[in-house]
Amino acid sequence: MSLRAMKKALQTIIISALCLAFQNGRAETVMDFVKPGCTVRHAVFPFYSEPDRKLSAVVRVEKARMDYQRKGFFHIGVLPVCAMEGVTIEILDTRTAAGAFQQMQRWLGAGDENRVELRRVKFLFSTNSLEAGTAHCRAGNRWELLDGVRLVAGGNETRAERATFQVAGREAGQVVLEAAPEAARIFPSLIAEPEH
């Protein structure tokens, strides 16, 4: 067996073990998966609703690795970031989406000193989609969408340079697009209200 084949086999074993750890609830945050010098490719992370444990959302990641924050063309070496590239977040049940996003908030470590940056991110809902060049998960149950945002809702497409996506609370699922000349344009919730 060649060195390259052995390295590929070892990476596959590591990724499989990490995914099993995630499914068994031992992995606390995404930082448990991505370590300096390690690249995770083609990972799939399921999120289940509570208490019935039905599949609520699936996160697919083309590549995850440690990188550094960017300022224009520059990478800042003292500000490491977990870069997840080619991220697709598919919401399978909009009624349990708010709970799934809260789980994702914890998993991504919102508000921690460890920053996670989603690059080329796409949210898929039953009939709507939301895309952005970059997304940052922030404390306060909101995600900051940057570098070109595209929202397709109700058959209409709207674009802006940046937006805010509220993932929990009273305004869960609400998208606020910030574009000139309009200061902000608010769209109704992309996720359904939970049933009581």
Protein backbone atom coordinates (compact mmCIF):
# COMPACT_ATOMS: atom_id res chain seq x y z
CA MET A 1 0.00 0.00 0.00
CA SER A 2 1.40 3.39 -0.97
CA LEU A 3 1.97 6.17 1.54
CA ARG A 4 -0.75 8.25 -0.12
CA ALA A 5 -3.29 5.40 0.12
CA MET A 6 -2.41 4.83 3.80
CA LYS A 7 -2.84 8.53 4.53
CA LYS A 8 -6.24 8.55 2.77
CA ALA A 9 -7.37 5.45 4.70
CA LEU A 10 -6.28 7.03 8.01
CA GLN A 11 -8.20 10.23 7.20
CA THR A 12 -11.32 8.18 6.41
CA ILE A 13 -11.05 6.33 9.73
CA ILE A 14 -10.60 9.59 11.66
CA ILE A 15 -13.58 11.23 9.94
CA SER A 16 -15.76 8.17 10.59
CA ALA A 17 -14.77 8.15 14.28
CA LEU A 18 -15.53 11.86 14.60
CA CYS A 19 -18.95 11.46 12.98
CA LEU A 20 -19.76 8.55 15.31
CA ALA A 21 -18.67 10.62 18.31
CA PHE A 22 -20.95 13.43 17.12
CA GLN A 23 -23.92 11.10 16.71
CA ASN A 24 -23.37 9.63 20.18
CA GLY A 25 -23.40 13.09 21.73
CA ARG A 26 -19.75 13.11 22.83
CA ALA A 27 -18.72 15.97 20.55
CA GLU A 28 -19.57 19.27 22.20
CA THR A 29 -18.66 21.75 19.46
CA VAL A 30 -17.33 21.86 15.93
CA MET A 31 -13.92 22.62 17.43
CA ASP A 32 -13.86 18.99 18.65
CA PHE A 33 -13.64 17.97 14.98
CA VAL A 34 -11.24 20.46 13.48
CA LYS A 35 -7.70 20.63 14.81
CA PRO A 36 -4.70 22.56 13.42
CA GLY A 37 -3.14 20.71 10.50
CA CYS A 38 -6.19 18.50 9.97
CA THR A 39 -8.68 18.91 7.13
CA VAL A 40 -12.10 17.27 7.29
CA ARG A 41 -13.73 16.65 3.91
CA HIS A 42 -17.28 15.73 2.91
CA ALA A 43 -18.73 15.58 6.43
CA VAL A 44 -22.43 15.19 7.22
CA PHE A 45 -23.89 16.19 10.60
CA PRO A 46 -27.52 15.31 11.51
CA PHE A 47 -29.60 17.28 14.02
CA TYR A 48 -32.63 15.71 15.70
CA SER A 49 -35.69 17.28 17.29
CA GLU A 50 -36.35 16.88 20.99
CA PRO A 51 -37.90 14.84 22.55
CA ASP A 52 -39.06 12.62 19.65
CA ARG A 53 -35.57 12.32 18.06
CA LYS A 54 -36.78 12.78 14.48
CA LEU A 55 -34.33 14.05 11.89
CA SER A 56 -34.86 17.83 11.76
CA ALA A 57 -31.87 19.19 9.84
CA VAL A 58 -28.76 18.00 8.03
CA VAL A 59 -25.54 20.01 7.70
CA ARG A 60 -23.20 19.03 4.86
CA VAL A 61 -19.67 20.42 4.77
CA GLU A 62 -17.37 20.07 1.76
CA LYS A 63 -14.23 21.00 3.73
CA ALA A 64 -13.42 22.15 7.27
CA ARG A 65 -10.01 23.31 8.49
CA MET A 66 -8.29 25.80 10.74
CA ASP A 67 -7.62 29.11 9.01
CA TYR A 68 -7.19 32.74 10.01
CA GLN A 69 -9.54 35.70 9.94
CA ARG A 70 -9.41 37.74 6.77
CA LYS A 71 -9.21 41.49 6.39
CA GLY A 72 -9.41 42.12 2.65
CA PHE A 73 -6.68 40.02 1.04
CA PHE A 74 -4.79 39.55 4.32
CA HIS A 75 -4.98 36.65 6.77
CA ILE A 76 -4.41 37.69 10.39
CA GLY A 77 -2.19 35.06 12.04
CA VAL A 78 -3.16 35.85 15.63
CA LEU A 79 -6.89 35.37 14.96
CA PRO A 80 -7.50 31.68 14.16
CA VAL A 81 -10.88 30.62 12.84
CA CYS A 82 -12.48 27.29 12.00
CA ALA A 83 -13.33 27.64 8.31
CA MET A 84 -16.15 25.44 7.05
CA GLU A 85 -16.42 25.71 3.27
CA GLY A 86 -19.23 24.67 0.96
CA VAL A 87 -21.80 24.38 3.77
CA THR A 88 -25.38 23.30 3.04
CA ILE A 89 -27.91 23.43 5.89
CA GLU A 90 -31.04 21.55 4.89
CA ILE A 91 -34.06 22.03 7.12
CA LEU A 92 -36.23 18.92 6.80
CA ASP A 93 -39.05 20.02 9.12
CA THR A 94 -39.70 23.75 9.45
CA ARG A 95 -41.76 23.16 12.63
CA THR A 96 -38.64 21.91 14.46
CA ALA A 97 -36.18 24.24 12.71
CA ALA A 98 -35.84 26.68 15.63
CA GLY A 99 -34.72 23.83 17.90
CA ALA A 100 -32.30 22.56 15.25
CA PHE A 101 -30.79 26.04 14.89
CA GLN A 102 -30.38 26.30 18.68
CA GLN A 103 -28.47 22.99 18.60
CA MET A 104 -26.34 24.38 15.75
CA GLN A 105 -25.68 27.56 17.79
CA ARG A 106 -24.27 25.44 20.63
CA TRP A 107 -22.37 23.17 18.21
CA LEU A 108 -20.79 26.14 16.42
CA GLY A 109 -19.87 27.72 19.76
CA ALA A 110 -21.73 31.01 19.32
CA GLY A 111 -20.25 33.68 21.58
CA ASP A 112 -17.07 31.67 22.38
CA GLU A 113 -13.57 32.93 21.73
CA ASN A 114 -13.22 30.17 19.13
CA ARG A 115 -14.65 31.67 15.98
CA VAL A 116 -16.32 29.62 13.27
CA GLU A 117 -16.77 30.99 9.77
CA LEU A 118 -19.09 29.35 7.26
CA ARG A 119 -18.05 30.02 3.67
CA ARG A 120 -20.27 29.52 0.62
CA VAL A 121 -23.23 28.67 2.85
CA LYS A 122 -26.69 27.69 1.65
CA PHE A 123 -29.85 27.22 3.75
CA LEU A 124 -32.51 25.03 2.14
CA PHE A 125 -36.08 25.15 3.41
CA SER A 126 -39.11 23.38 1.90
CA THR A 127 -39.72 25.99 -0.83
CA ASN A 128 -37.25 28.75 0.06
CA SER A 129 -33.49 29.13 0.05
CA LEU A 130 -30.97 31.57 1.50
CA GLU A 131 -27.33 31.82 0.37
CA ALA A 132 -24.33 33.87 1.46
CA GLY A 133 -20.62 34.07 0.72
CA THR A 134 -19.81 34.07 4.45
CA ALA A 135 -21.83 33.48 7.64
CA HIS A 136 -20.83 34.16 11.25
CA CYS A 137 -22.77 32.60 14.10
CA ARG A 138 -23.24 35.27 16.78
CA ALA A 139 -24.50 35.28 20.34
CA GLY A 140 -28.11 36.38 20.65
CA ASN A 141 -29.44 33.74 18.24
CA ARG A 142 -28.55 35.60 15.07
CA TRP A 143 -26.31 34.79 12.15
CA GLU A 144 -24.54 37.52 10.23
CA LEU A 145 -24.57 36.89 6.46
CA LEU A 146 -21.95 38.71 4.35
CA ASP A 147 -20.28 38.83 0.94
CA GLY A 148 -23.42 38.68 -1.18
CA VAL A 149 -26.73 37.33 0.07
CA ARG A 150 -29.39 35.73 -2.13
CA LEU A 151 -32.87 35.00 -0.79
CA VAL A 152 -35.42 33.03 -2.79
CA ALA A 153 -38.82 33.14 -1.03
CA GLY A 154 -42.26 32.69 -2.50
CA GLY A 155 -40.81 32.40 -6.01
CA ASN A 156 -39.14 35.83 -5.77
CA GLU A 157 -35.39 36.41 -5.63
CA THR A 158 -33.83 39.25 -3.65
CA ARG A 159 -30.14 40.10 -3.32
CA ALA A 160 -28.15 42.24 -0.90
CA GLU A 161 -24.55 42.60 0.19
CA ARG A 162 -25.30 41.63 3.81
CA ALA A 163 -28.14 40.37 6.00
CA THR A 164 -29.05 39.12 9.45
CA PHE A 165 -30.82 35.79 9.97
CA GLN A 166 -32.57 35.31 13.32
CA VAL A 167 -32.45 31.61 14.26
CA ALA A 168 -34.40 31.56 17.55
CA GLY A 169 -36.66 33.66 19.73
CA ARG A 170 -39.75 35.64 18.76
CA GLU A 171 -38.37 36.48 15.32
CA ALA A 172 -36.98 33.01 14.51
CA GLY A 173 -36.55 32.56 10.76
CA GLN A 174 -36.74 36.27 9.98
CA VAL A 175 -34.25 37.64 7.43
CA VAL A 176 -33.27 41.32 7.38
CA LEU A 177 -31.52 42.30 4.14
CA GLU A 178 -29.39 45.43 4.29
CA ALA A 179 -29.03 47.05 0.89
CA ALA A 180 -28.81 50.55 -0.51
CA PRO A 181 -30.88 52.59 -1.14
CA GLU A 182 -33.13 50.80 1.36
CA ALA A 183 -31.72 50.69 4.88
CA ALA A 184 -33.23 47.28 5.59
CA ARG A 185 -35.82 44.98 4.14
CA ILE A 186 -37.46 42.49 6.51
CA PHE A 187 -38.84 39.18 5.22
CA PRO A 188 -41.35 37.02 7.07
CA SER A 189 -40.13 33.92 8.84
CA LEU A 190 -38.65 31.13 6.71
CA ILE A 191 -39.48 28.60 9.41
CA ALA A 192 -42.84 27.61 10.86
CA GLU A 193 -43.98 28.38 14.38
CA PRO A 194 -43.58 25.35 16.66
CA GLU A 195 -46.83 23.56 17.50
CA HIS A 196 -47.91 23.76 21.15
